[in-house]
PDB file of N, CA and C in Angstrom:
ATOM      1  N   MET A   1     -35.029  36.666  21.148  1.00  0.00           N
ATOM      2  CA  MET A   1     -34.189  35.480  21.520  1.00  0.00           C
ATOM      3  C   MET A   1     -33.202  35.302  20.372  1.00  0.00           C
ATOM      4  N   GLU A   2     -32.133  34.822  20.765  1.00  0.00           N
ATOM      5  CA  GLU A   2     -31.024  34.350  19.741  1.00  0.00           C
ATOM      6  C   GLU A   2     -31.465  33.031  19.252  1.00  0.00           C
ATOM      7  N   PRO A   3     -31.192  32.822  17.892  1.00  0.00           N
ATOM      8  CA  PRO A   3     -31.531  31.584  17.263  1.00  0.00           C
ATOM      9  C   PRO A   3     -31.035  30.329  17.823  1.00  0.00           C
ATOM     10  N   SER A   4     -29.721  30.470  18.491  1.00  0.00           N
ATOM     11  CA  SER A   4     -29.163  29.294  19.136  1.00  0.00           C
ATOM     12  C   SER A   4     -29.875  28.868  20.352  1.00  0.00           C
ATOM     13  N   THR A   5     -30.683  29.742  21.153  1.00  0.00           N
ATOM     14  CA  THR A   5     -31.144  29.383  22.258  1.00  0.00           C
ATOM     15  C   THR A   5     -32.515  29.199  22.315  1.00  0.00           C
ATOM     16  N   LYS A   6     -33.272  29.365  21.235  1.00  0.00           N
ATOM     17  CA  LYS A   6     -34.751  29.424  21.201  1.00  0.00           C
ATOM     18  C   LYS A   6     -35.146  27.835  21.054  1.00  0.00           C
ATOM     19  N   ASP A   7     -34.263  26.944  20.596  1.00  0.00           N
ATOM     20  CA  ASP A   7     -34.797  25.489  20.426  1.00  0.00           C
ATOM     21  C   ASP A   7     -34.389  24.802  21.785  1.00  0.00           C
ATOM     22  N   ARG A   8     -33.724  25.621  22.695  1.00  0.00           N
ATOM     23  CA  ARG A   8     -33.259  24.550  23.715  1.00  0.00           C
ATOM     24  C   ARG A   8     -34.265  24.629  25.007  1.00  0.00           C
ATOM     25  N   SER A   9     -34.459  23.727  25.687  1.00  0.00           N
ATOM     26  CA  SER A   9     -35.264  24.004  26.980  1.00  0.00           C
ATOM     27  C   SER A   9     -34.465  23.817  27.964  1.00  0.00           C
ATOM     28  N   VAL A  10     -34.323  24.798  28.860  1.00  0.00           N
ATOM     29  CA  VAL A  10     -33.407  24.970  29.865  1.00  0.00           C
ATOM     30  C   VAL A  10     -34.098  24.983  31.320  1.00  0.00           C
ATOM     31  N   GLU A  11     -33.917  24.076  32.118  1.00  0.00           N
ATOM     32  CA  GLU A  11     -34.600  24.208  33.494  1.00  0.00           C
ATOM     33  C   GLU A  11     -33.713  24.659  34.558  1.00  0.00           C
ATOM     34  N   VAL A  12     -34.179  25.581  35.281  1.00  0.00           N
ATOM     35  CA  VAL A  12     -33.299  26.230  36.260  1.00  0.00           C
ATOM     36  C   VAL A  12     -33.657  25.579  37.602  1.00  0.00           C
ATOM     37  N   GLU A  13     -32.812  25.030  38.265  1.00  0.00           N
ATOM     38  CA  GLU A  13     -33.066  24.492  39.699  1.00  0.00           C
ATOM     39  C   GLU A  13     -32.444  25.586  40.731  1.00  0.00           C
ATOM     40  N   ARG A  14     -33.582  25.796  41.623  1.00  0.00           N
ATOM     41  CA  ARG A  14     -33.205  26.687  42.602  1.00  0.00           C
ATOM     42  C   ARG A  14     -33.072  25.941  44.066  1.00  0.00           C
ATOM     43  N   THR A  15     -32.032  26.372  44.639  1.00  0.00           N
ATOM     44  CA  THR A  15     -31.761  25.897  46.084  1.00  0.00           C
ATOM     45  C   THR A  15     -31.842  26.879  46.930  1.00  0.00           C
ATOM     46  N   GLU A  16     -32.552  26.734  48.045  1.00  0.00           N
ATOM     47  CA  GLU A  16     -32.726  27.834  49.034  1.00  0.00           C
ATOM     48  C   GLU A  16     -31.852  27.414  50.245  1.00  0.00           C
ATOM     49  N   VAL A  17     -31.149  28.225  50.791  1.00  0.00           N
ATOM     50  CA  VAL A  17     -30.299  27.952  51.971  1.00  0.00           C
ATOM     51  C   VAL A  17     -30.955  28.630  53.288  1.00  0.00           C
ATOM     52  N   HIS A  18     -31.155  27.910  54.167  1.00  0.00           N
ATOM     53  CA  HIS A  18     -31.722  28.412  55.400  1.00  0.00           C
ATOM     54  C   HIS A  18     -30.712  28.354  56.415  1.00  0.00           C
ATOM     55  N   ARG A  19     -30.458  29.460  57.073  1.00  0.00           N
ATOM     56  CA  ARG A  19     -29.643  29.504  58.186  1.00  0.00           C
ATOM     57  C   ARG A  19     -30.358  29.263  59.449  1.00  0.00           C
ATOM     58  N   LYS A  20     -29.925  28.215  60.292  1.00  0.00           N
ATOM     59  CA  LYS A  20     -30.385  27.974  61.465  1.00  0.00           C
ATOM     60  C   LYS A  20     -29.506  28.723  62.523  1.00  0.00           C
ATOM     61  N   SER A  21     -30.108  29.628  63.425  1.00  0.00           N
ATOM     62  CA  SER A  21     -29.332  30.131  64.426  1.00  0.00           C
ATOM     63  C   SER A  21     -29.863  29.526  65.845  1.00  0.00           C
ATOM     64  N   ASP A  22     -29.027  28.936  66.304  1.00  0.00           N
ATOM     65  CA  ASP A  22     -29.243  28.223  67.633  1.00  0.00           C
ATOM     66  C   ASP A  22     -29.055  29.251  68.542  1.00  0.00           C
ATOM     67  N   SER A  23     -30.012  29.666  69.356  1.00  0.00           N
ATOM     68  CA  SER A  23     -30.031  30.719  70.371  1.00  0.00           C
ATOM     69  C   SER A  23     -29.210  30.344  71.673  1.00  0.00           C
ATOM     70  N   SER A  24     -29.326  29.081  71.859  1.00  0.00           N
ATOM     71  CA  SER A  24     -28.581  28.604  72.982  1.00  0.00           C
ATOM     72  C   SER A  24     -26.915  28.684  72.794  1.00  0.00           C
ATOM     73  N   LEU A  25     -26.479  28.357  71.521  1.00  0.00           N
ATOM     74  CA  LEU A  25     -25.050  28.596  71.190  1.00  0.00           C
ATOM     75  C   LEU A  25     -24.745  29.999  70.988  1.00  0.00           C
ATOM     76  N   VAL A  26     -25.493  30.890  70.542  1.00  0.00           N
ATOM     77  CA  VAL A  26     -25.194  32.135  70.542  1.00  0.00           C
ATOM     78  C   VAL A  26     -24.977  32.718  71.970  1.00  0.00           C
ATOM     79  N   ALA A  27     -26.044  32.323  72.922  1.00  0.00           N
ATOM     80  CA  ALA A  27     -25.886  32.865  74.163  1.00  0.00           C
ATOM     81  C   ALA A  27     -24.676  32.261  75.037  1.00  0.00           C
ATOM     82  N   SER A  28     -24.202  31.025  74.743  1.00  0.00           N
ATOM     83  CA  SER A  28     -23.177  30.487  75.418  1.00  0.00           C
ATOM     84  C   SER A  28     -22.019  31.256  74.855  1.00  0.00           C
ATOM     85  N   THR A  29     -21.972  31.475  73.617  1.00  0.00           N
ATOM     86  CA  THR A  29     -20.579  32.147  73.173  1.00  0.00           C
ATOM     87  C   THR A  29     -20.509  33.581  73.660  1.00  0.00           C
ATOM     88  N   PHE A  30     -21.700  34.183  73.855  1.00  0.00           N
ATOM     89  CA  PHE A  30     -21.726  35.695  74.300  1.00  0.00           C
ATOM     90  C   PHE A  30     -21.173  35.609  75.785  1.00  0.00           C
ATOM     91  N   ILE A  31     -21.610  34.604  76.549  1.00  0.00           N
ATOM     92  CA  ILE A  31     -21.265  34.472  77.895  1.00  0.00           C
ATOM     93  C   ILE A  31     -19.694  34.070  77.974  1.00  0.00           C
ATOM     94  N   LYS A  32     -19.300  33.439  77.212  1.00  0.00           N
ATOM     95  CA  LYS A  32     -17.853  33.016  77.230  1.00  0.00           C
ATOM     96  C   LYS A  32     -16.970  34.224  76.901  1.00  0.00           C
ATOM     97  N   TYR A  33     -17.283  34.934  75.791  1.00  0.00           N
ATOM     98  CA  TYR A  33     -16.445  36.182  75.577  1.00  0.00           C
ATOM     99  C   TYR A  33     -16.648  37.215  76.597  1.00  0.00           C
ATOM    100  N   ALA A  34     -17.910  37.299  77.202  1.00  0.00           N
ATOM    101  CA  ALA A  34     -17.978  38.402  78.272  1.00  0.00           C
ATOM    102  C   ALA A  34     -17.245  38.024  79.448  1.00  0.00           C
ATOM    103  N   ALA A  35     -17.101  36.825  79.694  1.00  0.00           N
ATOM    104  CA  ALA A  35     -16.234  36.280  80.914  1.00  0.00           C
ATOM    105  C   ALA A  35     -14.780  36.593  80.556  1.00  0.00           C
ATOM    106  N   TYR A  36     -14.336  36.412  79.312  1.00  0.00           N
ATOM    107  CA  TYR A  36     -13.123  36.819  78.918  1.00  0.00           C
ATOM    108  C   TYR A  36     -12.865  38.247  79.110  1.00  0.00           C
ATOM    109  N   ILE A  37     -13.749  39.004  78.777  1.00  0.00           N
ATOM    110  CA  ILE A  37     -13.502  40.501  78.974  1.00  0.00           C
ATOM    111  C   ILE A  37     -13.508  40.906  80.349  1.00  0.00           C
ATOM    112  N   ILE A  38     -14.206  40.497  81.286  1.00  0.00           N
ATOM    113  CA  ILE A  38     -14.352  40.752  82.645  1.00  0.00           C
ATOM    114  C   ILE A  38     -13.066  40.289  83.288  1.00  0.00           C
ATOM    115  N   ILE A  39     -12.424  39.188  82.857  1.00  0.00           N
ATOM    116  CA  ILE A  39     -11.180  38.778  83.493  1.00  0.00           C
ATOM    117  C   ILE A  39     -10.074  39.478  83.122  1.00  0.00           C
ATOM    118  N   ILE A  40     -10.113  39.995  81.790  1.00  0.00           N
ATOM    119  CA  ILE A  40      -8.894  40.934  81.287  1.00  0.00           C
ATOM    120  C   ILE A  40      -9.156  42.257  81.998  1.00  0.00           C
ATOM    121  N   PHE A  41     -10.257  42.831  82.106  1.00  0.00           N
ATOM    122  CA  PHE A  41     -10.412  44.095  82.871  1.00  0.00           C
ATOM    123  C   PHE A  41      -9.999  43.969  84.341  1.00  0.00           C
ATOM    124  N   GLY A  42     -10.285  42.761  84.909  1.00  0.00           N
ATOM    125  CA  GLY A  42      -9.920  42.569  86.377  1.00  0.00           C
ATOM    126  C   GLY A  42      -8.541  42.520  86.436  1.00  0.00           C
ATOM    127  N   ILE A  43      -7.742  41.856  85.664  1.00  0.00           N
ATOM    128  CA  ILE A  43      -6.227  41.745  85.578  1.00  0.00           C
ATOM    129  C   ILE A  43      -5.653  43.209  85.388  1.00  0.00           C
ATOM    130  N   LEU A  44      -6.101  43.901  84.369  1.00  0.00           N
ATOM    131  CA  LEU A  44      -5.650  45.367  84.225  1.00  0.00           C
ATOM    132  C   LEU A  44      -5.944  46.234  85.299  1.00  0.00           C
ATOM    133  N   TYR A  45      -7.245  46.065  86.032  1.00  0.00           N
ATOM    134  CA  TYR A  45      -7.465  46.802  87.364  1.00  0.00           C
ATOM    135  C   TYR A  45      -6.375  46.445  88.373  1.00  0.00           C
ATOM    136  N   PHE A  46      -6.258  45.233  88.515  1.00  0.00           N
ATOM    137  CA  PHE A  46      -5.168  44.798  89.512  1.00  0.00           C
ATOM    138  C   PHE A  46      -3.746  45.367  89.283  1.00  0.00           C
ATOM    139  N   LEU A  47      -3.274  45.432  88.132  1.00  0.00           N
ATOM    140  CA  LEU A  47      -2.126  45.877  87.725  1.00  0.00           C
ATOM    141  C   LEU A  47      -2.003  47.356  88.034  1.00  0.00           C
ATOM    142  N   VAL A  48      -2.991  48.269  87.589  1.00  0.00           N
ATOM    143  CA  VAL A  48      -3.149  49.647  87.643  1.00  0.00           C
ATOM    144  C   VAL A  48      -3.142  49.976  89.104  1.00  0.00           C
ATOM    145  N   ARG A  49      -3.807  49.228  89.851  1.00  0.00           N
ATOM    146  CA  ARG A  49      -4.202  49.536  91.304  1.00  0.00           C
ATOM    147  C   ARG A  49      -3.021  49.317  92.175  1.00  0.00           C
ATOM    148  N   TYR A  50      -2.478  48.045  92.103  1.00  0.00           N
ATOM    149  CA  TYR A  50      -1.597  47.540  93.211  1.00  0.00           C
ATOM    150  C   TYR A  50      -0.029  47.376  92.604  1.00  0.00           C
ATOM    151  N   VAL A  51       0.009  47.063  91.381  1.00  0.00           N
ATOM    152  CA  VAL A  51       1.328  46.662  90.925  1.00  0.00           C
ATOM    153  C   VAL A  51       2.090  47.903  90.401  1.00  0.00           C
ATOM    154  N   PHE A  52       1.470  48.690  89.785  1.00  0.00           N
ATOM    155  CA  PHE A  52       2.161  50.012  88.988  1.00  0.00           C
ATOM    156  C   PHE A  52       2.652  50.972  90.028  1.00  0.00           C
ATOM    157  N   PRO A  53       1.765  51.261  91.151  1.00  0.00           N
ATOM    158  CA  PRO A  53       2.069  52.152  92.257  1.00  0.00           C
ATOM    159  C   PRO A  53       3.349  51.791  92.985  1.00  0.00           C
ATOM    160  N   MET A  54       3.815  50.527  92.940  1.00  0.00           N
ATOM    161  CA  MET A  54       5.077  49.945  93.603  1.00  0.00           C
ATOM    162  C   MET A  54       6.164  50.442  92.832  1.00  0.00           C
ATOM    163  N   PHE A  55       6.249  50.871  91.712  1.00  0.00           N
ATOM    164  CA  PHE A  55       7.455  51.355  90.937  1.00  0.00           C
ATOM    165  C   PHE A  55       7.609  52.858  91.019  1.00  0.00           C
TER     166      PHE A  55
END
């Protein structure tokens, strides 16, 4: 030990962070983005199948 620190009493405070994962929030977010992806692929399918052959 260093002479300057052996006379001091230091208390270390530890804090623990617990992450709460709300499974219903995760599921609803997954459903929302899955719906976005399905809609985008539906629009792309429509464009490729019906609009592009007209040109």
